[in-house]
């Protein structure tokens, strides 16, 4: 680590210890082991809140954990907490804050050479840039993340799916075909790893890629397989997205089934309180 980076870290630790002293005005100053326990509890609160889709609560809990880990000079744990805070911020619609936190996580993980965590952070940064509408920048980050994840099967499959989605959104020349190849690789890996959710997700996106390439028959097959897989997993989000994609497919073919799938998707997104999904369906 450079001397400049070391000075920054020392300053951060001092600031964090000052905060802890301020917090400790009402109670005795905690021992490091007690602080670590508090941080672990904050992380669990953050995870529980994210599962309940209370993303602002999740963000606050993970940020508290990050500050405690920073005071304890535990860079890996701080990076993990900041990454989790970033994901919660992004899902709460606080994109600038999400980007700021994932950039801090990325700097920490690069400083301690955690390659798989760097890949994870870059993928998170890609999602943030995508939310800003900067697809070219997002794809560059996703490409870099995928290169770092080579050989780590589960992570590589997830990143292949992420990159494929970005390419489908950009829809430049060759993007749909590259997306299809990435998703086929992700599907093979997920099946080898017995990752049913990963395989269902790959099939869902393969259907979208096939639709972009004009192969309606392949799109219908993949999307129907995805819907059945998500139903078997009792995955409400996956089911809603599969219905949404099938609605698009049948609408393009001017088939009555489009209305059924659109209504099923709308019910799913309403249950999930997914405002973005409802907006895509036009309420």
C-alpha atoms as a PDB file:
ATOM      1  CA  UNK A   1       0.000   0.000   0.000  1.00  0.00           C
ATOM      2  CA  UNK A   2       1.341   3.480  -0.867  1.00  0.00           C
ATOM      3  CA  UNK A   3       2.232   5.978   1.871  1.00  0.00           C
ATOM      4  CA  UNK A   4      -0.650   8.171   0.708  1.00  0.00           C
ATOM      5  CA  UNK A   5      -3.086   5.305   0.990  1.00  0.00           C
ATOM      6  CA  UNK A   6      -1.688   4.440   4.420  1.00  0.00           C
ATOM      7  CA  UNK A   7      -2.261   8.016   5.600  1.00  0.00           C
ATOM      8  CA  UNK A   8      -5.840   7.873   4.343  1.00  0.00           C
ATOM      9  CA  UNK A   9      -6.433   4.586   6.162  1.00  0.00           C
ATOM     10  CA  UNK A  10      -4.944   6.006   9.393  1.00  0.00           C
ATOM     11  CA  UNK A  11      -7.181   9.054   9.091  1.00  0.00           C
ATOM     12  CA  UNK A  12     -10.217   6.852   8.511  1.00  0.00           C
ATOM     13  CA  UNK A  13      -9.375   4.755  11.576  1.00  0.00           C
ATOM     14  CA  UNK A  14      -8.960   7.859  13.717  1.00  0.00           C
ATOM     15  CA  UNK A  15     -12.273   9.241  12.506  1.00  0.00           C
ATOM     16  CA  UNK A  16     -13.995   5.934  13.158  1.00  0.00           C
ATOM     17  CA  UNK A  17     -12.505   5.606  16.644  1.00  0.00           C
ATOM     18  CA  UNK A  18     -13.692   9.156  17.333  1.00  0.00           C
ATOM     19  CA  UNK A  19     -17.197   8.129  16.297  1.00  0.00           C
ATOM     20  CA  UNK A  20     -16.996   5.096  18.534  1.00  0.00           C
ATOM     21  CA  UNK A  21     -15.883   7.281  21.437  1.00  0.00           C
ATOM     22  CA  UNK A  22     -18.857   9.575  20.765  1.00  0.00           C
ATOM     23  CA  UNK A  23     -21.176   6.561  20.681  1.00  0.00           C
ATOM     24  CA  UNK A  24     -19.506   5.380  23.876  1.00  0.00           C
ATOM     25  CA  UNK A  25     -20.436   8.544  25.775  1.00  0.00           C
ATOM     26  CA  UNK A  26     -23.679   6.861  26.822  1.00  0.00           C
ATOM     27  CA  UNK A  27     -22.126   3.468  27.536  1.00  0.00           C
ATOM     28  CA  UNK A  28     -18.644   2.225  28.443  1.00  0.00           C
ATOM     29  CA  UNK A  29     -16.218   2.094  25.512  1.00  0.00           C
ATOM     30  CA  UNK A  30     -16.381  -1.387  24.009  1.00  0.00           C
ATOM     31  CA  UNK A  31     -13.575  -3.867  23.642  1.00  0.00           C
ATOM     32  CA  UNK A  32     -12.602  -4.900  20.085  1.00  0.00           C
ATOM     33  CA  UNK A  33     -14.297  -8.280  20.546  1.00  0.00           C
ATOM     34  CA  UNK A  34     -17.531  -6.547  21.532  1.00  0.00           C
ATOM     35  CA  UNK A  35     -17.276  -4.191  18.575  1.00  0.00           C
ATOM     36  CA  UNK A  36     -16.780  -7.154  16.255  1.00  0.00           C
ATOM     37  CA  UNK A  37     -19.897  -8.778  17.702  1.00  0.00           C
ATOM     38  CA  UNK A  38     -21.842  -5.541  17.122  1.00  0.00           C
ATOM     39  CA  UNK A  39     -20.597  -5.416  13.533  1.00  0.00           C
ATOM     40  CA  UNK A  40     -21.644  -9.024  12.909  1.00  0.00           C
ATOM     41  CA  UNK A  41     -25.099  -8.273  14.301  1.00  0.00           C
ATOM     42  CA  UNK A  42     -25.369  -5.194  12.085  1.00  0.00           C
ATOM     43  CA  UNK A  43     -24.443  -7.314   9.051  1.00  0.00           C
ATOM     44  CA  UNK A  44     -27.173  -9.821   9.942  1.00  0.00           C
ATOM     45  CA  UNK A  45     -29.720  -7.019  10.374  1.00  0.00           C
ATOM     46  CA  UNK A  46     -28.696  -5.749   6.969  1.00  0.00           C
ATOM     47  CA  UNK A  47     -29.143  -9.161   5.352  1.00  0.00           C
ATOM     48  CA  UNK A  48     -32.521  -9.689   7.012  1.00  0.00           C
ATOM     49  CA  UNK A  49     -33.707  -6.249   5.913  1.00  0.00           C
ATOM     50  CA  UNK A  50     -32.580  -6.879   2.334  1.00  0.00           C
ATOM     51  CA  UNK A  51     -34.513 -10.163   2.235  1.00  0.00           C
ATOM     52  CA  UNK A  52     -37.575  -8.239   3.451  1.00  0.00           C
ATOM     53  CA  UNK A  53     -36.930  -5.630   0.701  1.00  0.00           C
ATOM     54  CA  UNK A  54     -36.331  -2.919   3.330  1.00  0.00           C
ATOM     55  CA  UNK A  55     -33.350  -1.633   1.437  1.00  0.00           C
ATOM     56  CA  UNK A  56     -32.805   1.673   3.240  1.00  0.00           C
ATOM     57  CA  UNK A  57     -32.702  -0.190   6.570  1.00  0.00           C
ATOM     58  CA  UNK A  58     -30.297  -2.699   5.023  1.00  0.00           C
ATOM     59  CA  UNK A  59     -28.074   0.102   3.738  1.00  0.00           C
ATOM     60  CA  UNK A  60     -27.878   1.780   7.164  1.00  0.00           C
ATOM     61  CA  UNK A  61     -27.097  -1.474   8.964  1.00  0.00           C
ATOM     62  CA  UNK A  62     -24.326  -2.434   6.551  1.00  0.00           C
ATOM     63  CA  UNK A  63     -22.808   1.051   6.711  1.00  0.00           C
ATOM     64  CA  UNK A  64     -22.700   0.856  10.525  1.00  0.00           C
ATOM     65  CA  UNK A  65     -20.918  -2.485  10.234  1.00  0.00           C
ATOM     66  CA  UNK A  66     -18.486  -1.000   7.697  1.00  0.00           C
ATOM     67  CA  UNK A  67     -17.523   1.859  10.019  1.00  0.00           C
ATOM     68  CA  UNK A  68     -16.891  -0.520  12.910  1.00  0.00           C
ATOM     69  CA  UNK A  69     -14.760  -2.800  10.720  1.00  0.00           C
ATOM     70  CA  UNK A  70     -12.843   0.250   9.519  1.00  0.00           C
ATOM     71  CA  UNK A  71     -12.104   1.172  13.140  1.00  0.00           C
ATOM     72  CA  UNK A  72     -10.915  -2.385  13.734  1.00  0.00           C
ATOM     73  CA  UNK A  73      -8.697  -2.131  10.638  1.00  0.00           C
ATOM     74  CA  UNK A  74     -10.362  -5.222   9.131  1.00  0.00           C
ATOM     75  CA  UNK A  75     -10.198  -4.360   5.431  1.00  0.00           C
ATOM     76  CA  UNK A  76     -11.819  -7.561   4.054  1.00  0.00           C
ATOM     77  CA  UNK A  77     -14.810  -7.299   6.386  1.00  0.00           C
ATOM     78  CA  UNK A  78     -15.149  -3.569   5.738  1.00  0.00           C
ATOM     79  CA  UNK A  79     -15.100  -4.186   1.981  1.00  0.00           C
ATOM     80  CA  UNK A  80     -17.786  -6.868   2.289  1.00  0.00           C
ATOM     81  CA  UNK A  81     -19.968  -4.532   4.353  1.00  0.00           C
ATOM     82  CA  UNK A  82     -19.535  -1.638   1.919  1.00  0.00           C
ATOM     83  CA  UNK A  83     -20.349  -3.884  -1.036  1.00  0.00           C
ATOM     84  CA  UNK A  84     -23.534  -5.053   0.699  1.00  0.00           C
ATOM     85  CA  UNK A  85     -24.420  -1.441   1.529  1.00  0.00           C
ATOM     86  CA  UNK A  86     -23.903  -0.529  -2.125  1.00  0.00           C
ATOM     87  CA  UNK A  87     -26.275  -3.250  -3.327  1.00  0.00           C
ATOM     88  CA  UNK A  88     -28.913  -2.081  -0.822  1.00  0.00           C
ATOM     89  CA  UNK A  89     -28.445   1.557  -1.861  1.00  0.00           C
ATOM     90  CA  UNK A  90     -28.814   0.666  -5.537  1.00  0.00           C
ATOM     91  CA  UNK A  91     -31.980  -1.335  -4.924  1.00  0.00           C
ATOM     92  CA  UNK A  92     -33.342   1.587  -2.891  1.00  0.00           C
ATOM     93  CA  UNK A  93     -32.758   3.827  -5.907  1.00  0.00           C
ATOM     94  CA  UNK A  94     -29.851   5.732  -4.317  1.00  0.00           C
ATOM     95  CA  UNK A  95     -27.514   5.225  -7.242  1.00  0.00           C
ATOM     96  CA  UNK A  96     -24.865   7.840  -6.425  1.00  0.00           C
ATOM     97  CA  UNK A  97     -24.476   6.479  -2.892  1.00  0.00           C
ATOM     98  CA  UNK A  98     -24.351   2.933  -4.279  1.00  0.00           C
ATOM     99  CA  UNK A  99     -21.536   3.877  -6.646  1.00  0.00           C
ATOM    100  CA  UNK A 100     -19.617   5.648  -3.880  1.00  0.00           C
ATOM    101  CA  UNK A 101     -19.753   2.633  -1.564  1.00  0.00           C
ATOM    102  CA  UNK A 102     -18.800   0.048  -4.178  1.00  0.00           C
ATOM    103  CA  UNK A 103     -15.858   2.216  -5.271  1.00  0.00           C
ATOM    104  CA  UNK A 104     -14.639   2.213  -1.655  1.00  0.00           C
ATOM    105  CA  UNK A 105     -15.074  -1.576  -1.468  1.00  0.00           C
ATOM    106  CA  UNK A 106     -13.149  -1.936  -4.732  1.00  0.00           C
ATOM    107  CA  UNK A 107     -10.258   0.189  -3.451  1.00  0.00           C
ATOM    108  CA  UNK A 108     -10.037  -1.899  -0.272  1.00  0.00           C
ATOM    109  CA  UNK A 109     -10.126  -5.216  -2.118  1.00  0.00           C
ATOM    110  CA  UNK A 110      -7.538  -4.096  -4.666  1.00  0.00           C
ATOM    111  CA  UNK A 111      -5.317  -2.946  -1.812  1.00  0.00           C
ATOM    112  CA  UNK A 112      -5.301  -6.438  -0.287  1.00  0.00           C
ATOM    113  CA  UNK A 113      -5.325  -8.275  -3.651  1.00  0.00           C
ATOM    114  CA  UNK A 114      -8.607 -10.175  -3.182  1.00  0.00           C
ATOM    115  CA  UNK A 115      -9.190 -10.995  -6.848  1.00  0.00           C
ATOM    116  CA  UNK A 116     -12.586 -12.690  -6.522  1.00  0.00           C
ATOM    117  CA  UNK A 117     -13.820  -9.820  -4.354  1.00  0.00           C
ATOM    118  CA  UNK A 118     -12.457  -7.315  -6.897  1.00  0.00           C
ATOM    119  CA  UNK A 119     -14.450  -9.159  -9.586  1.00  0.00           C
ATOM    120  CA  UNK A 120     -17.544  -8.969  -7.387  1.00  0.00           C
ATOM    121  CA  UNK A 121     -17.019  -5.234  -6.798  1.00  0.00           C
ATOM    122  CA  UNK A 122     -16.517  -4.533 -10.498  1.00  0.00           C
ATOM    123  CA  UNK A 123     -19.761  -6.356 -11.250  1.00  0.00           C
ATOM    124  CA  UNK A 124     -21.492  -4.200  -8.633  1.00  0.00           C
ATOM    125  CA  UNK A 125     -19.980  -1.085 -10.167  1.00  0.00           C
ATOM    126  CA  UNK A 126     -21.233  -2.252 -13.573  1.00  0.00           C
ATOM    127  CA  UNK A 127     -24.759  -2.498 -12.176  1.00  0.00           C
ATOM    128  CA  UNK A 128     -24.472   1.016 -10.774  1.00  0.00           C
ATOM    129  CA  UNK A 129     -23.249   2.449 -14.077  1.00  0.00           C
ATOM    130  CA  UNK A 130     -26.013   0.580 -15.883  1.00  0.00           C
ATOM    131  CA  UNK A 131     -28.554   2.229 -13.574  1.00  0.00           C
ATOM    132  CA  UNK A 132     -27.048   5.578 -14.593  1.00  0.00           C
ATOM    133  CA  UNK A 133     -27.579   4.661 -18.240  1.00  0.00           C
ATOM    134  CA  UNK A 134     -23.843   4.421 -18.950  1.00  0.00           C
ATOM    135  CA  UNK A 135     -23.969   1.032 -20.656  1.00  0.00           C
ATOM    136  CA  UNK A 136     -20.584   1.200 -22.385  1.00  0.00           C
ATOM    137  CA  UNK A 137     -18.849   1.944 -19.075  1.00  0.00           C
ATOM    138  CA  UNK A 138     -20.874  -0.789 -17.357  1.00  0.00           C
ATOM    139  CA  UNK A 139     -19.890  -3.341 -20.008  1.00  0.00           C
ATOM    140  CA  UNK A 140     -16.209  -2.433 -19.623  1.00  0.00           C
ATOM    141  CA  UNK A 141     -16.429  -3.083 -15.861  1.00  0.00           C
ATOM    142  CA  UNK A 142     -18.333  -6.335 -16.421  1.00  0.00           C
ATOM    143  CA  UNK A 143     -15.735  -7.521 -18.946  1.00  0.00           C
ATOM    144  CA  UNK A 144     -12.929  -6.833 -16.461  1.00  0.00           C
ATOM    145  CA  UNK A 145     -14.845  -8.625 -13.699  1.00  0.00           C
ATOM    146  CA  UNK A 146     -15.329 -11.693 -15.884  1.00  0.00           C
ATOM    147  CA  UNK A 147     -11.617 -11.886 -16.723  1.00  0.00           C
ATOM    148  CA  UNK A 148     -10.738 -11.877 -13.012  1.00  0.00           C
ATOM    149  CA  UNK A 149     -13.287 -14.602 -12.253  1.00  0.00           C
ATOM    150  CA  UNK A 150     -11.940 -17.179 -14.726  1.00  0.00           C
ATOM    151  CA  UNK A 151     -11.719 -20.567 -13.037  1.00  0.00           C
ATOM    152  CA  UNK A 152     -14.215 -19.778 -10.242  1.00  0.00           C
ATOM    153  CA  UNK A 153     -17.211 -21.580 -11.707  1.00  0.00           C
ATOM    154  CA  UNK A 154     -20.146 -20.151  -9.736  1.00  0.00           C
ATOM    155  CA  UNK A 155     -18.880 -16.569  -9.836  1.00  0.00           C
ATOM    156  CA  UNK A 156     -17.947 -16.846 -13.498  1.00  0.00           C
ATOM    157  CA  UNK A 157     -21.443 -18.086 -14.420  1.00  0.00           C
ATOM    158  CA  UNK A 158     -23.087 -15.229 -12.527  1.00  0.00           C
ATOM    159  CA  UNK A 159     -20.845 -12.667 -14.200  1.00  0.00           C
ATOM    160  CA  UNK A 160     -21.479 -14.173 -17.641  1.00  0.00           C
ATOM    161  CA  UNK A 161     -25.201 -13.675 -17.065  1.00  0.00           C
ATOM    162  CA  UNK A 162     -24.649 -10.103 -15.834  1.00  0.00           C
ATOM    163  CA  UNK A 163     -22.568  -9.189 -18.872  1.00  0.00           C
ATOM    164  CA  UNK A 164     -25.041 -10.858 -21.231  1.00  0.00           C
ATOM    165  CA  UNK A 165     -27.877  -8.757 -19.808  1.00  0.00           C
ATOM    166  CA  UNK A 166     -25.912  -5.555 -20.337  1.00  0.00           C
ATOM    167  CA  UNK A 167     -25.159  -6.525 -23.923  1.00  0.00           C
ATOM    168  CA  UNK A 168     -28.839  -7.242 -24.579  1.00  0.00           C
ATOM    169  CA  UNK A 169     -29.732  -3.808 -23.230  1.00  0.00           C
ATOM    170  CA  UNK A 170     -27.145  -2.028 -25.352  1.00  0.00           C
ATOM    171  CA  UNK A 171     -28.195  -3.956 -28.497  1.00  0.00           C
ATOM    172  CA  UNK A 172     -25.261  -2.874 -30.667  1.00  0.00           C
ATOM    173  CA  UNK A 173     -24.145  -4.971 -33.642  1.00  0.00           C
ATOM    174  CA  UNK A 174     -23.067  -8.413 -32.432  1.00  0.00           C
ATOM    175  CA  UNK A 175     -24.262  -7.884 -28.850  1.00  0.00           C
ATOM    176  CA  UNK A 176     -27.167 -10.347 -29.037  1.00  0.00           C
ATOM    177  CA  UNK A 177     -24.986 -13.138 -30.434  1.00  0.00           C
ATOM    178  CA  UNK A 178     -22.240 -12.548 -27.862  1.00  0.00           C
ATOM    179  CA  UNK A 179     -24.916 -12.508 -25.166  1.00  0.00           C
ATOM    180  CA  UNK A 180     -26.249 -15.854 -26.379  1.00  0.00           C
ATOM    181  CA  UNK A 181     -22.782 -17.456 -26.202  1.00  0.00           C
ATOM    182  CA  UNK A 182     -22.165 -16.093 -22.714  1.00  0.00           C
ATOM    183  CA  UNK A 183     -25.519 -17.404 -21.510  1.00  0.00           C
ATOM    184  CA  UNK A 184     -24.959 -20.852 -22.996  1.00  0.00           C
ATOM    185  CA  UNK A 185     -21.670 -20.996 -21.085  1.00  0.00           C
ATOM    186  CA  UNK A 186     -23.412 -19.803 -17.900  1.00  0.00           C
ATOM    187  CA  UNK A 187     -26.132 -22.441 -18.352  1.00  0.00           C
ATOM    188  CA  UNK A 188     -23.571 -25.245 -18.779  1.00  0.00           C
ATOM    189  CA  UNK A 189     -21.667 -24.127 -15.698  1.00  0.00           C
ATOM    190  CA  UNK A 190     -24.815 -23.784 -13.590  1.00  0.00           C
ATOM    191  CA  UNK A 191     -25.993 -27.249 -14.592  1.00  0.00           C
ATOM    192  CA  UNK A 192     -22.593 -28.755 -13.776  1.00  0.00           C
ATOM    193  CA  UNK A 193     -22.689 -27.025 -10.395  1.00  0.00           C
ATOM    194  CA  UNK A 194     -26.273 -28.207  -9.790  1.00  0.00           C
ATOM    195  CA  UNK A 195     -27.241 -24.542  -9.407  1.00  0.00           C
ATOM    196  CA  UNK A 196     -30.941 -24.649 -10.281  1.00  0.00           C
ATOM    197  CA  UNK A 197     -31.508 -20.925  -9.812  1.00  0.00           C
ATOM    198  CA  UNK A 198     -28.477 -20.028 -11.904  1.00  0.00           C
ATOM    199  CA  UNK A 199     -29.646 -22.375 -14.674  1.00  0.00           C
ATOM    200  CA  UNK A 200     -33.171 -20.911 -14.575  1.00  0.00           C
ATOM    201  CA  UNK A 201     -31.765 -17.389 -14.774  1.00  0.00           C
ATOM    202  CA  UNK A 202     -29.564 -18.330 -17.735  1.00  0.00           C
ATOM    203  CA  UNK A 203     -32.577 -19.821 -19.537  1.00  0.00           C
ATOM    204  CA  UNK A 204     -34.615 -16.693 -18.859  1.00  0.00           C
ATOM    205  CA  UNK A 205     -31.946 -14.514 -20.447  1.00  0.00           C
ATOM    206  CA  UNK A 206     -31.352 -17.004 -23.272  1.00  0.00           C
ATOM    207  CA  UNK A 207     -34.995 -16.533 -24.160  1.00  0.00           C
ATOM    208  CA  UNK A 208     -34.501 -12.778 -24.346  1.00  0.00           C
ATOM    209  CA  UNK A 209     -31.366 -13.241 -26.468  1.00  0.00           C
ATOM    210  CA  UNK A 210     -33.217 -15.581 -28.842  1.00  0.00           C
ATOM    211  CA  UNK A 211     -36.004 -13.024 -29.141  1.00  0.00           C
ATOM    212  CA  UNK A 212     -33.466 -10.312 -29.980  1.00  0.00           C
ATOM    213  CA  UNK A 213     -32.015 -12.595 -32.673  1.00  0.00           C
ATOM    214  CA  UNK A 214     -35.459 -13.208 -34.149  1.00  0.00           C
ATOM    215  CA  UNK A 215     -35.699 -16.868 -33.086  1.00  0.00           C
ATOM    216  CA  UNK A 216     -39.189 -16.884 -31.566  1.00  0.00           C
ATOM    217  CA  UNK A 217     -39.400 -20.678 -31.315  1.00  0.00           C
ATOM    218  CA  UNK A 218     -36.171 -20.921 -29.303  1.00  0.00           C
ATOM    219  CA  UNK A 219     -37.258 -17.941 -27.193  1.00  0.00           C
ATOM    220  CA  UNK A 220     -40.572 -19.610 -26.314  1.00  0.00           C
ATOM    221  CA  UNK A 221     -38.850 -22.871 -25.360  1.00  0.00           C
ATOM    222  CA  UNK A 222     -36.244 -21.215 -23.136  1.00  0.00           C
ATOM    223  CA  UNK A 223     -38.734 -18.883 -21.440  1.00  0.00           C
ATOM    224  CA  UNK A 224     -41.194 -21.684 -20.727  1.00  0.00           C
ATOM    225  CA  UNK A 225     -38.382 -23.796 -19.240  1.00  0.00           C
ATOM    226  CA  UNK A 226     -37.333 -20.812 -17.120  1.00  0.00           C
ATOM    227  CA  UNK A 227     -40.889 -20.233 -15.869  1.00  0.00           C
ATOM    228  CA  UNK A 228     -41.270 -23.886 -14.869  1.00  0.00           C
ATOM    229  CA  UNK A 229     -37.884 -23.862 -13.123  1.00  0.00           C
ATOM    230  CA  UNK A 230     -38.679 -20.708 -11.151  1.00  0.00           C
ATOM    231  CA  UNK A 231     -42.043 -22.184 -10.145  1.00  0.00           C
ATOM    232  CA  UNK A 232     -40.255 -25.304  -8.865  1.00  0.00           C
ATOM    233  CA  UNK A 233     -37.937 -23.056  -6.864  1.00  0.00           C
ATOM    234  CA  UNK A 234     -40.869 -20.969  -5.565  1.00  0.00           C
ATOM    235  CA  UNK A 235     -38.994 -17.857  -6.731  1.00  0.00           C
ATOM    236  CA  UNK A 236     -41.518 -14.969  -7.040  1.00  0.00           C
ATOM    237  CA  UNK A 237     -39.086 -12.602  -8.764  1.00  0.00           C
ATOM    238  CA  UNK A 238     -38.012 -15.196 -11.304  1.00  0.00           C
ATOM    239  CA  UNK A 239     -41.630 -16.134 -12.016  1.00  0.00           C
ATOM    240  CA  UNK A 240     -42.620 -12.493 -12.545  1.00  0.00           C
ATOM    241  CA  UNK A 241     -39.703 -11.842 -14.915  1.00  0.00           C
ATOM    242  CA  UNK A 242     -40.428 -15.004 -16.894  1.00  0.00           C
ATOM    243  CA  UNK A 243     -44.085 -14.000 -17.302  1.00  0.00           C
ATOM    244  CA  UNK A 244     -42.978 -10.516 -18.385  1.00  0.00           C
ATOM    245  CA  UNK A 245     -40.656 -11.931 -21.060  1.00  0.00           C
ATOM    246  CA  UNK A 246     -43.356 -14.333 -22.309  1.00  0.00           C
ATOM    247  CA  UNK A 247     -45.784 -11.408 -22.518  1.00  0.00           C
ATOM    248  CA  UNK A 248     -43.318  -9.580 -24.777  1.00  0.00           C
ATOM    249  CA  UNK A 249     -42.884 -12.677 -26.941  1.00  0.00           C
ATOM    250  CA  UNK A 250     -46.605 -13.296 -27.435  1.00  0.00           C
ATOM    251  CA  UNK A 251     -47.355  -9.600 -27.955  1.00  0.00           C
ATOM    252  CA  UNK A 252     -44.900  -9.572 -30.851  1.00  0.00           C
ATOM    253  CA  UNK A 253     -46.761 -12.542 -32.316  1.00  0.00           C
ATOM    254  CA  UNK A 254     -50.102 -10.821 -31.636  1.00  0.00           C
ATOM    255  CA  UNK A 255     -51.311 -13.743 -29.527  1.00  0.00           C
ATOM    256  CA  UNK A 256     -53.958 -13.530 -26.803  1.00  0.00           C
ATOM    257  CA  UNK A 257     -51.639 -15.316 -24.369  1.00  0.00           C
ATOM    258  CA  UNK A 258     -49.724 -12.031 -24.014  1.00  0.00           C
ATOM    259  CA  UNK A 259     -52.517 -10.609 -21.823  1.00  0.00           C
ATOM    260  CA  UNK A 260     -52.417 -13.574 -19.420  1.00  0.00           C
ATOM    261  CA  UNK A 261     -48.647 -13.380 -18.964  1.00  0.00           C
ATOM    262  CA  UNK A 262     -48.741  -9.598 -18.565  1.00  0.00           C
ATOM    263  CA  UNK A 263     -51.322  -9.883 -15.784  1.00  0.00           C
ATOM    264  CA  UNK A 264     -49.336 -12.633 -14.083  1.00  0.00           C
ATOM    265  CA  UNK A 265     -46.217 -10.479 -14.252  1.00  0.00           C
ATOM    266  CA  UNK A 266     -48.130  -7.488 -12.872  1.00  0.00           C
ATOM    267  CA  UNK A 267     -49.394  -9.536  -9.920  1.00  0.00           C
ATOM    268  CA  UNK A 268     -45.879 -10.774  -9.237  1.00  0.00           C
ATOM    269  CA  UNK A 269     -44.290  -7.336  -9.324  1.00  0.00           C
ATOM    270  CA  UNK A 270     -47.073  -5.923  -7.128  1.00  0.00           C
ATOM    271  CA  UNK A 271     -46.443  -8.676  -4.562  1.00  0.00           C
ATOM    272  CA  UNK A 272     -42.715  -7.858  -4.655  1.00  0.00           C
ATOM    273  CA  UNK A 273     -43.410  -4.099  -4.501  1.00  0.00           C
ATOM    274  CA  UNK A 274     -41.184  -3.843  -7.569  1.00  0.00           C
ATOM    275  CA  UNK A 275     -41.925  -0.365  -8.883  1.00  0.00           C
ATOM    276  CA  UNK A 276     -39.543  -0.705 -11.830  1.00  0.00           C
ATOM    277  CA  UNK A 277     -41.259  -3.897 -12.981  1.00  0.00           C
ATOM    278  CA  UNK A 278     -44.701  -2.322 -12.690  1.00  0.00           C
ATOM    279  CA  UNK A 279     -43.497   0.726 -14.609  1.00  0.00           C
ATOM    280  CA  UNK A 280     -42.276  -1.470 -17.479  1.00  0.00           C
ATOM    281  CA  UNK A 281     -45.749  -3.008 -17.698  1.00  0.00           C
ATOM    282  CA  UNK A 282     -47.392   0.401 -17.686  1.00  0.00           C
ATOM    283  CA  UNK A 283     -49.154  -0.367 -14.397  1.00  0.00           C
END
